[in-house]
Amino acid sequence: MSGHLGVQNLQPKQRQLPIVPNYFLHPATNEKVTKNKLKVKLVANLLSSSVGKALLYLEESEHYEFIGTGATARFILLVDQTFDCLSSSNPYGKGFKTPVTADNLTLRREFLADFSSVLFRLQTASGEPVLQTRRFTSVLGLCLATQTVMDVSEALLEEGFLYVLSYKCPKTI
């Protein structure tokens, strides 16, 4: 399998899946990915937990087009969880959408450090490290954003804040 490691095959199959309809890619997603016209909404749709879960389900169901997509699905889920961490907007959020607090600061910092190390190990389809390509700035930018959010959160918590809603940080970094 080449290309998008199963994501391109997901859109035609999604109507046959026994899962909730909001787990689907928009019909135009496959066309836009093919033409390399990635937009923010498209990337958010593509790197959502619903796409990762659908790919895992199809791989576990042994659909031949999706065999070997587990690593892609796990990466998509990791990116989705990271975006949830970086965009907490509800003081009563659950899971990765919880605000940063003194209680979860260390765990959150460890999770985001692990995510950054995954990004630093990313390779292109040809096996070249992404950090050695022209597109390295997105990887460095995301790693810098995660570090900055954690540093700002830690400083605010030390100043007496009970929690930090990080949804404003990624937009301003």
N, C-alpha and C. Protein backbone atom coordinates (compact mmCIF):
# COMPACT_ATOMS: atom_id res chain seq x y z
N MET A 1 0.84 -1.18 0.00
CA MET A 1 0.00 0.00 0.00
C MET A 1 0.88 1.23 0.00
N SER A 2 0.52 2.21 -0.77
CA SER A 2 1.32 3.42 -0.84
C SER A 2 0.46 4.61 -0.48
N GLY A 3 1.03 5.77 -0.57
CA GLY A 3 0.27 6.98 -0.35
C GLY A 3 0.01 7.26 1.11
N HIS A 4 -1.24 7.30 1.47
CA HIS A 4 -1.66 7.75 2.78
C HIS A 4 -1.91 6.61 3.75
N LEU A 5 -1.36 5.42 3.48
CA LEU A 5 -1.42 4.27 4.36
C LEU A 5 -2.83 3.98 4.85
N GLY A 6 -3.78 3.89 3.95
CA GLY A 6 -5.13 3.49 4.30
C GLY A 6 -6.12 4.61 4.40
N VAL A 7 -5.68 5.83 4.65
CA VAL A 7 -6.62 6.93 4.80
C VAL A 7 -7.36 7.16 3.49
N GLN A 8 -6.67 7.04 2.36
CA GLN A 8 -7.32 7.26 1.08
C GLN A 8 -8.37 6.19 0.79
N ASN A 9 -8.25 5.01 1.39
CA ASN A 9 -9.22 3.95 1.19
C ASN A 9 -10.40 4.04 2.15
N LEU A 10 -10.29 4.87 3.17
CA LEU A 10 -11.32 4.94 4.21
C LEU A 10 -12.59 5.58 3.70
N GLN A 11 -12.50 6.66 2.96
CA GLN A 11 -13.69 7.39 2.54
C GLN A 11 -14.68 6.52 1.77
N PRO A 12 -14.28 5.72 0.78
CA PRO A 12 -15.26 4.88 0.08
C PRO A 12 -15.86 3.78 0.98
N LYS A 13 -15.13 3.30 1.97
CA LYS A 13 -15.58 2.21 2.83
C LYS A 13 -16.45 2.66 3.99
N GLN A 14 -16.42 3.95 4.34
CA GLN A 14 -16.99 4.38 5.60
C GLN A 14 -18.49 4.14 5.70
N ARG A 15 -19.22 4.15 4.63
CA ARG A 15 -20.66 3.93 4.69
C ARG A 15 -21.00 2.49 5.08
N GLN A 16 -20.06 1.58 4.94
CA GLN A 16 -20.30 0.18 5.26
C GLN A 16 -19.92 -0.18 6.69
N LEU A 17 -19.32 0.77 7.42
CA LEU A 17 -18.84 0.47 8.77
C LEU A 17 -19.97 0.51 9.79
N PRO A 18 -19.95 -0.42 10.76
CA PRO A 18 -20.96 -0.41 11.81
C PRO A 18 -20.57 0.50 12.96
N ILE A 19 -20.21 1.74 12.65
CA ILE A 19 -19.82 2.69 13.69
C ILE A 19 -20.60 3.98 13.49
N VAL A 20 -20.56 4.84 14.47
CA VAL A 20 -21.32 6.08 14.46
C VAL A 20 -20.95 6.95 13.25
N PRO A 21 -21.94 7.55 12.57
CA PRO A 21 -21.66 8.32 11.36
C PRO A 21 -20.68 9.47 11.51
N ASN A 22 -20.50 10.05 12.69
CA ASN A 22 -19.56 11.16 12.80
C ASN A 22 -18.11 10.70 12.76
N TYR A 23 -17.88 9.42 12.55
CA TYR A 23 -16.53 8.89 12.42
C TYR A 23 -16.03 8.97 10.98
N PHE A 24 -16.69 9.72 10.15
CA PHE A 24 -16.40 9.66 8.73
C PHE A 24 -15.60 10.85 8.24
N LEU A 25 -14.90 10.60 7.16
CA LEU A 25 -14.23 11.67 6.43
C LEU A 25 -15.25 12.32 5.50
N HIS A 26 -15.11 13.60 5.30
CA HIS A 26 -15.95 14.31 4.35
C HIS A 26 -15.63 13.77 2.96
N PRO A 27 -16.62 13.61 2.09
CA PRO A 27 -16.36 13.06 0.75
C PRO A 27 -15.27 13.78 -0.03
N ALA A 28 -15.09 15.07 0.20
CA ALA A 28 -14.08 15.81 -0.55
C ALA A 28 -12.67 15.60 -0.01
N THR A 29 -12.54 14.96 1.15
CA THR A 29 -11.24 14.79 1.78
C THR A 29 -10.26 14.06 0.86
N ASN A 30 -10.67 12.93 0.32
CA ASN A 30 -9.78 12.13 -0.51
C ASN A 30 -9.33 12.93 -1.73
N GLU A 31 -10.26 13.66 -2.35
CA GLU A 31 -9.92 14.46 -3.52
C GLU A 31 -8.93 15.56 -3.15
N LYS A 32 -9.14 16.23 -2.04
CA LYS A 32 -8.26 17.33 -1.64
C LYS A 32 -6.88 16.81 -1.26
N VAL A 33 -6.81 15.66 -0.58
CA VAL A 33 -5.51 15.10 -0.22
C VAL A 33 -4.74 14.75 -1.48
N THR A 34 -5.43 14.17 -2.45
CA THR A 34 -4.79 13.79 -3.70
C THR A 34 -4.20 15.01 -4.41
N LYS A 35 -4.89 16.13 -4.34
CA LYS A 35 -4.41 17.33 -5.02
C LYS A 35 -3.46 18.15 -4.15
N ASN A 36 -3.14 17.67 -2.95
CA ASN A 36 -2.22 18.35 -2.03
C ASN A 36 -2.67 19.76 -1.67
N LYS A 37 -3.95 19.96 -1.55
CA LYS A 37 -4.47 21.26 -1.14
C LYS A 37 -4.96 21.14 0.30
N LEU A 38 -4.03 20.92 1.21
CA LEU A 38 -4.39 20.73 2.60
C LEU A 38 -4.74 22.06 3.25
N LYS A 39 -5.85 22.08 3.91
CA LYS A 39 -6.31 23.23 4.66
C LYS A 39 -6.39 22.81 6.13
N VAL A 40 -6.54 23.77 7.01
CA VAL A 40 -6.58 23.48 8.43
C VAL A 40 -7.75 22.56 8.77
N LYS A 41 -8.94 22.85 8.24
CA LYS A 41 -10.10 22.00 8.53
C LYS A 41 -9.90 20.59 7.99
N LEU A 42 -9.28 20.47 6.85
CA LEU A 42 -9.03 19.16 6.27
C LEU A 42 -8.05 18.37 7.15
N VAL A 43 -7.01 19.03 7.61
CA VAL A 43 -6.03 18.35 8.47
C VAL A 43 -6.69 17.94 9.78
N ALA A 44 -7.54 18.83 10.34
CA ALA A 44 -8.25 18.49 11.57
C ALA A 44 -9.17 17.30 11.35
N ASN A 45 -9.81 17.22 10.19
CA ASN A 45 -10.66 16.09 9.86
C ASN A 45 -9.84 14.82 9.69
N LEU A 46 -8.73 14.93 9.01
CA LEU A 46 -7.89 13.78 8.72
C LEU A 46 -7.19 13.23 9.96
N LEU A 47 -6.76 14.13 10.86
CA LEU A 47 -6.03 13.72 12.06
C LEU A 47 -6.94 13.65 13.28
N SER A 48 -8.17 13.23 13.10
CA SER A 48 -9.12 13.14 14.21
C SER A 48 -9.15 11.72 14.76
N SER A 49 -9.63 11.61 15.99
CA SER A 49 -9.71 10.29 16.62
C SER A 49 -10.66 9.38 15.85
N SER A 50 -11.67 9.96 15.22
CA SER A 50 -12.61 9.13 14.46
C SER A 50 -11.93 8.43 13.29
N VAL A 51 -11.03 9.11 12.61
CA VAL A 51 -10.30 8.49 11.50
C VAL A 51 -9.36 7.41 12.04
N GLY A 52 -8.64 7.72 13.13
CA GLY A 52 -7.75 6.73 13.73
C GLY A 52 -8.50 5.49 14.19
N LYS A 53 -9.64 5.68 14.84
CA LYS A 53 -10.44 4.54 15.31
C LYS A 53 -11.00 3.73 14.15
N ALA A 54 -11.42 4.43 13.09
CA ALA A 54 -11.94 3.72 11.92
C ALA A 54 -10.84 2.89 11.26
N LEU A 55 -9.64 3.44 11.14
CA LEU A 55 -8.53 2.68 10.55
C LEU A 55 -8.19 1.46 11.40
N LEU A 56 -8.16 1.64 12.73
CA LEU A 56 -7.89 0.50 13.61
C LEU A 56 -8.96 -0.57 13.47
N TYR A 57 -10.21 -0.14 13.42
CA TYR A 57 -11.32 -1.09 13.27
C TYR A 57 -11.17 -1.87 11.97
N LEU A 58 -10.90 -1.17 10.88
CA LEU A 58 -10.78 -1.84 9.59
C LEU A 58 -9.57 -2.77 9.54
N GLU A 59 -8.49 -2.38 10.18
CA GLU A 59 -7.32 -3.27 10.22
C GLU A 59 -7.63 -4.51 11.04
N GLU A 60 -8.27 -4.33 12.19
CA GLU A 60 -8.63 -5.47 13.05
C GLU A 60 -9.66 -6.37 12.39
N SER A 61 -10.50 -5.79 11.51
CA SER A 61 -11.50 -6.57 10.77
C SER A 61 -10.89 -7.26 9.57
N GLU A 62 -9.59 -7.05 9.37
CA GLU A 62 -8.81 -7.67 8.31
C GLU A 62 -9.30 -7.34 6.90
N HIS A 63 -9.73 -6.08 6.70
CA HIS A 63 -10.01 -5.62 5.35
C HIS A 63 -8.67 -5.50 4.64
N TYR A 64 -8.56 -6.10 3.48
CA TYR A 64 -7.25 -6.19 2.83
C TYR A 64 -6.65 -4.83 2.50
N GLU A 65 -7.46 -3.80 2.24
CA GLU A 65 -6.89 -2.49 1.92
C GLU A 65 -6.28 -1.80 3.13
N PHE A 66 -6.61 -2.30 4.34
CA PHE A 66 -6.21 -1.62 5.56
C PHE A 66 -5.21 -2.41 6.40
N ILE A 67 -4.71 -3.49 5.88
CA ILE A 67 -3.71 -4.26 6.61
C ILE A 67 -2.42 -3.44 6.63
N GLY A 68 -1.86 -3.26 7.82
CA GLY A 68 -0.64 -2.48 7.98
C GLY A 68 -0.88 -1.01 8.27
N THR A 69 -2.12 -0.62 8.53
CA THR A 69 -2.41 0.78 8.81
C THR A 69 -2.40 1.09 10.31
N GLY A 70 -2.07 0.13 11.13
CA GLY A 70 -2.09 0.32 12.59
C GLY A 70 -1.19 1.44 13.06
N ALA A 71 0.02 1.52 12.51
CA ALA A 71 0.95 2.58 12.93
C ALA A 71 0.41 3.96 12.54
N THR A 72 -0.17 4.06 11.35
CA THR A 72 -0.77 5.32 10.93
C THR A 72 -1.92 5.69 11.85
N ALA A 73 -2.76 4.72 12.18
CA ALA A 73 -3.91 4.97 13.06
C ALA A 73 -3.44 5.42 14.44
N ARG A 74 -2.43 4.77 14.98
CA ARG A 74 -1.93 5.16 16.30
C ARG A 74 -1.30 6.55 16.27
N PHE A 75 -0.63 6.89 15.18
CA PHE A 75 -0.07 8.24 15.04
C PHE A 75 -1.19 9.28 14.98
N ILE A 76 -2.23 8.99 14.22
CA ILE A 76 -3.37 9.91 14.12
C ILE A 76 -4.00 10.10 15.49
N LEU A 77 -4.18 9.03 16.25
CA LEU A 77 -4.76 9.14 17.59
C LEU A 77 -3.85 9.95 18.51
N LEU A 78 -2.54 9.77 18.40
CA LEU A 78 -1.59 10.52 19.20
C LEU A 78 -1.66 12.02 18.88
N VAL A 79 -1.74 12.35 17.61
CA VAL A 79 -1.85 13.76 17.21
C VAL A 79 -3.16 14.34 17.73
N ASP A 80 -4.25 13.59 17.62
CA ASP A 80 -5.54 14.06 18.11
C ASP A 80 -5.50 14.32 19.61
N GLN A 81 -4.91 13.41 20.36
CA GLN A 81 -4.79 13.59 21.81
C GLN A 81 -3.93 14.82 22.14
N THR A 82 -2.88 15.02 21.37
CA THR A 82 -2.02 16.19 21.59
C THR A 82 -2.78 17.48 21.32
N PHE A 83 -3.54 17.51 20.23
CA PHE A 83 -4.33 18.70 19.94
C PHE A 83 -5.36 18.94 21.03
N ASP A 84 -5.93 17.87 21.58
CA ASP A 84 -6.86 18.03 22.71
C ASP A 84 -6.15 18.64 23.91
N CYS A 85 -4.94 18.18 24.20
CA CYS A 85 -4.15 18.74 25.31
C CYS A 85 -3.87 20.22 25.09
N LEU A 86 -3.58 20.58 23.85
CA LEU A 86 -3.20 21.96 23.54
C LEU A 86 -4.39 22.88 23.35
N SER A 87 -5.59 22.35 23.41
CA SER A 87 -6.76 23.20 23.17
C SER A 87 -7.85 22.99 24.20
N SER A 88 -7.47 22.74 25.44
CA SER A 88 -8.49 22.58 26.49
C SER A 88 -9.20 23.90 26.70
N SER A 89 -10.54 23.87 26.67
CA SER A 89 -11.31 25.10 26.80
C SER A 89 -12.40 25.02 27.85
N ASN A 90 -12.49 23.91 28.54
CA ASN A 90 -13.54 23.71 29.53
C ASN A 90 -12.90 23.29 30.85
N PRO A 91 -13.17 24.02 31.93
CA PRO A 91 -12.56 23.64 33.22
C PRO A 91 -13.03 22.28 33.71
N TYR A 92 -14.11 21.76 33.13
CA TYR A 92 -14.63 20.46 33.54
C TYR A 92 -14.39 19.39 32.48
N GLY A 93 -13.46 19.64 31.58
CA GLY A 93 -13.16 18.69 30.51
C GLY A 93 -12.70 17.35 31.06
N LYS A 94 -12.84 16.32 30.25
CA LYS A 94 -12.45 14.96 30.63
C LYS A 94 -11.33 14.47 29.72
N GLY A 95 -10.56 13.51 30.23
CA GLY A 95 -9.50 12.91 29.43
C GLY A 95 -8.42 13.90 29.04
N PHE A 96 -8.07 13.91 27.77
CA PHE A 96 -7.03 14.81 27.28
C PHE A 96 -7.52 16.25 27.17
N LYS A 97 -8.82 16.45 27.32
CA LYS A 97 -9.38 17.81 27.22
C LYS A 97 -9.45 18.51 28.58
N THR A 98 -8.89 17.89 29.61
CA THR A 98 -8.88 18.53 30.92
C THR A 98 -7.92 19.71 30.91
N PRO A 99 -8.21 20.72 31.72
CA PRO A 99 -7.26 21.84 31.80
C PRO A 99 -5.98 21.39 32.49
N VAL A 100 -4.92 22.13 32.30
CA VAL A 100 -3.66 21.84 32.98
C VAL A 100 -3.80 22.28 34.44
N THR A 101 -3.51 21.38 35.35
CA THR A 101 -3.57 21.68 36.78
C THR A 101 -2.25 21.26 37.42
N ALA A 102 -2.07 21.62 38.67
CA ALA A 102 -0.86 21.20 39.38
C ALA A 102 -0.81 19.68 39.48
N ASP A 103 -1.97 19.04 39.58
CA ASP A 103 -2.03 17.58 39.70
C ASP A 103 -1.62 16.85 38.43
N ASN A 104 -1.95 17.41 37.27
CA ASN A 104 -1.65 16.69 36.02
C ASN A 104 -0.52 17.32 35.21
N LEU A 105 0.13 18.33 35.75
CA LEU A 105 1.19 19.02 35.02
C LEU A 105 2.33 18.07 34.62
N THR A 106 2.79 17.25 35.55
CA THR A 106 3.90 16.34 35.26
C THR A 106 3.50 15.30 34.20
N LEU A 107 2.32 14.72 34.35
CA LEU A 107 1.86 13.74 33.36
C LEU A 107 1.68 14.37 31.98
N ARG A 108 1.12 15.57 31.98
CA ARG A 108 0.91 16.27 30.71
C ARG A 108 2.25 16.59 30.05
N ARG A 109 3.21 17.05 30.85
CA ARG A 109 4.54 17.38 30.32
C ARG A 109 5.21 16.12 29.75
N GLU A 110 5.09 14.99 30.45
CA GLU A 110 5.68 13.73 29.96
C GLU A 110 5.02 13.28 28.66
N PHE A 111 3.68 13.38 28.60
CA PHE A 111 2.97 12.99 27.38
C PHE A 111 3.43 13.84 26.20
N LEU A 112 3.50 15.15 26.40
CA LEU A 112 3.90 16.03 25.30
C LEU A 112 5.38 15.86 24.93
N ALA A 113 6.22 15.52 25.90
CA ALA A 113 7.63 15.23 25.59
C ALA A 113 7.73 13.95 24.75
N ASP A 114 6.92 12.93 25.10
CA ASP A 114 6.89 11.71 24.29
C ASP A 114 6.41 12.00 22.88
N PHE A 115 5.39 12.86 22.77
CA PHE A 115 4.89 13.24 21.45
C PHE A 115 5.98 13.93 20.64
N SER A 116 6.71 14.83 21.27
CA SER A 116 7.79 15.52 20.56
C SER A 116 8.86 14.55 20.10
N SER A 117 9.17 13.55 20.92
CA SER A 117 10.18 12.58 20.50
C SER A 117 9.68 11.74 19.32
N VAL A 118 8.38 11.47 19.27
CA VAL A 118 7.81 10.77 18.10
C VAL A 118 7.96 11.64 16.86
N LEU A 119 7.66 12.92 17.00
CA LEU A 119 7.80 13.83 15.85
C LEU A 119 9.25 13.90 15.36
N PHE A 120 10.19 13.93 16.30
CA PHE A 120 11.60 14.01 15.90
C PHE A 120 12.07 12.75 15.18
N ARG A 121 11.37 11.64 15.39
CA ARG A 121 11.75 10.38 14.73
C ARG A 121 10.99 10.14 13.43
N LEU A 122 10.08 11.04 13.05
CA LEU A 122 9.30 10.85 11.83
C LEU A 122 10.20 10.77 10.61
N GLN A 123 9.77 9.93 9.67
CA GLN A 123 10.50 9.77 8.41
C GLN A 123 9.53 9.92 7.24
N THR A 124 10.06 10.34 6.12
CA THR A 124 9.26 10.41 4.90
C THR A 124 9.08 9.00 4.36
N ALA A 125 8.27 8.87 3.32
CA ALA A 125 8.04 7.56 2.71
C ALA A 125 9.34 6.94 2.19
N SER A 126 10.31 7.78 1.84
CA SER A 126 11.58 7.27 1.33
C SER A 126 12.56 6.93 2.46
N GLY A 127 12.17 7.17 3.71
CA GLY A 127 13.02 6.84 4.85
C GLY A 127 13.89 7.98 5.34
N GLU A 128 13.78 9.13 4.72
CA GLU A 128 14.57 10.29 5.14
C GLU A 128 13.92 10.94 6.37
N PRO A 129 14.70 11.27 7.39
CA PRO A 129 14.12 11.95 8.56
C PRO A 129 13.48 13.27 8.15
N VAL A 130 12.26 13.51 8.66
CA VAL A 130 11.54 14.74 8.32
C VAL A 130 12.35 15.98 8.70
N LEU A 131 13.12 15.88 9.78
CA LEU A 131 13.93 17.03 10.22
C LEU A 131 15.02 17.41 9.22
N GLN A 132 15.30 16.53 8.27
CA GLN A 132 16.31 16.83 7.26
C GLN A 132 15.69 17.21 5.92
N THR A 133 14.37 17.46 5.93
CA THR A 133 13.69 17.87 4.70
C THR A 133 13.32 19.34 4.79
N ARG A 134 12.76 19.85 3.70
CA ARG A 134 12.33 21.26 3.68
C ARG A 134 11.14 21.50 4.60
N ARG A 135 10.43 20.48 4.99
CA ARG A 135 9.22 20.62 5.79
C ARG A 135 9.46 20.43 7.28
N PHE A 136 10.68 20.61 7.71
CA PHE A 136 11.01 20.40 9.12
C PHE A 136 10.39 21.44 10.04
N THR A 137 10.04 22.61 9.51
CA THR A 137 9.56 23.70 10.37
C THR A 137 8.24 23.36 11.05
N SER A 138 7.37 22.59 10.41
CA SER A 138 6.11 22.23 11.06
C SER A 138 6.35 21.34 12.27
N VAL A 139 7.31 20.43 12.16
CA VAL A 139 7.65 19.56 13.29
C VAL A 139 8.25 20.38 14.43
N LEU A 140 9.21 21.23 14.10
CA LEU A 140 9.81 22.08 15.13
C LEU A 140 8.80 23.03 15.75
N GLY A 141 7.92 23.59 14.93
CA GLY A 141 6.90 24.50 15.43
C GLY A 141 5.94 23.85 16.40
N LEU A 142 5.51 22.64 16.08
CA LEU A 142 4.60 21.93 16.97
C LEU A 142 5.30 21.54 18.27
N CYS A 143 6.54 21.12 18.19
CA CYS A 143 7.30 20.80 19.41
C CYS A 143 7.51 22.04 20.26
N LEU A 144 7.81 23.16 19.63
CA LEU A 144 7.98 24.42 20.35
C LEU A 144 6.66 24.84 21.01
N ALA A 145 5.56 24.68 20.29
CA ALA A 145 4.25 25.04 20.84
C ALA A 145 3.92 24.21 22.07
N THR A 146 4.19 22.91 22.02
CA THR A 146 3.89 22.07 23.19
C THR A 146 4.75 22.47 24.38
N GLN A 147 6.02 22.74 24.13
CA GLN A 147 6.91 23.15 25.22
C GLN A 147 6.49 24.50 25.81
N THR A 148 6.12 25.42 24.94
CA THR A 148 5.71 26.74 25.39
C THR A 148 4.43 26.68 26.22
N VAL A 149 3.46 25.90 25.76
CA VAL A 149 2.21 25.75 26.52
C VAL A 149 2.50 25.21 27.91
N MET A 150 3.37 24.24 27.99
CA MET A 150 3.68 23.66 29.31
C MET A 150 4.44 24.65 30.18
N ASP A 151 5.37 25.39 29.61
CA ASP A 151 6.12 26.38 30.39
C ASP A 151 5.22 27.50 30.90
N VAL A 152 4.33 28.00 30.03
CA VAL A 152 3.40 29.05 30.44
C VAL A 152 2.44 28.51 31.51
N SER A 153 1.95 27.30 31.31
CA SER A 153 1.04 26.69 32.29
C SER A 153 1.72 26.54 33.64
N GLU A 154 2.94 26.07 33.64
CA GLU A 154 3.68 25.90 34.89
C GLU A 154 3.86 27.24 35.61
N ALA A 155 4.21 28.26 34.85
CA ALA A 155 4.40 29.59 35.46
C ALA A 155 3.10 30.12 36.05
N LEU A 156 1.99 29.94 35.34
CA LEU A 156 0.69 30.41 35.84
C LEU A 156 0.25 29.63 37.08
N LEU A 157 0.50 28.33 37.08
CA LEU A 157 0.14 27.51 38.25
C LEU A 157 0.98 27.90 39.47
N GLU A 158 2.24 28.24 39.23
CA GLU A 158 3.10 28.69 40.34
C GLU A 158 2.65 30.03 40.89
N GLU A 159 1.99 30.83 40.05
CA GLU A 159 1.48 32.14 40.48
C GLU A 159 0.16 32.02 41.24
N GLY A 160 -0.37 30.81 41.35
CA GLY A 160 -1.60 30.62 42.12
C GLY A 160 -2.84 30.27 41.32
N PHE A 161 -2.74 30.18 40.01
CA PHE A 161 -3.90 29.77 39.22
C PHE A 161 -4.24 28.32 39.56
N LEU A 162 -5.53 28.00 39.58
CA LEU A 162 -5.95 26.63 39.88
C LEU A 162 -5.84 25.73 38.65
N TYR A 163 -6.07 26.30 37.48
CA TYR A 163 -5.97 25.54 36.24
C TYR A 163 -5.68 26.50 35.10
N VAL A 164 -5.23 25.92 33.97
CA VAL A 164 -4.93 26.71 32.77
C VAL A 164 -5.68 26.08 31.61
N LEU A 165 -6.48 26.90 30.94
CA LEU A 165 -7.16 26.47 29.72
C LEU A 165 -6.27 26.86 28.55
N SER A 166 -5.73 25.87 27.90
CA SER A 166 -4.66 26.12 26.92
C SER A 166 -5.17 26.45 25.52
N TYR A 167 -6.47 26.60 25.33
CA TYR A 167 -6.98 26.77 23.97
C TYR A 167 -6.52 28.06 23.28
N LYS A 168 -6.15 29.06 24.03
CA LYS A 168 -5.67 30.30 23.42
C LYS A 168 -4.20 30.22 23.03
N CYS A 169 -3.44 29.41 23.71
CA CYS A 169 -1.99 29.37 23.47
C CYS A 169 -1.57 28.98 22.07
N PRO A 170 -2.05 27.87 21.51
CA PRO A 170 -1.57 27.48 20.17
C PRO A 170 -1.87 28.50 19.10
N LYS A 171 -2.93 29.29 19.28
CA LYS A 171 -3.29 30.27 18.27
C LYS A 171 -2.37 31.49 18.32
N THR A 172 -1.71 31.69 19.44
CA THR A 172 -0.89 32.89 19.59
C THR A 172 0.60 32.59 19.52
N ILE A 173 0.97 31.34 19.46
CA ILE A 173 2.39 30.98 19.46
C ILE A 173 2.91 31.01 18.04
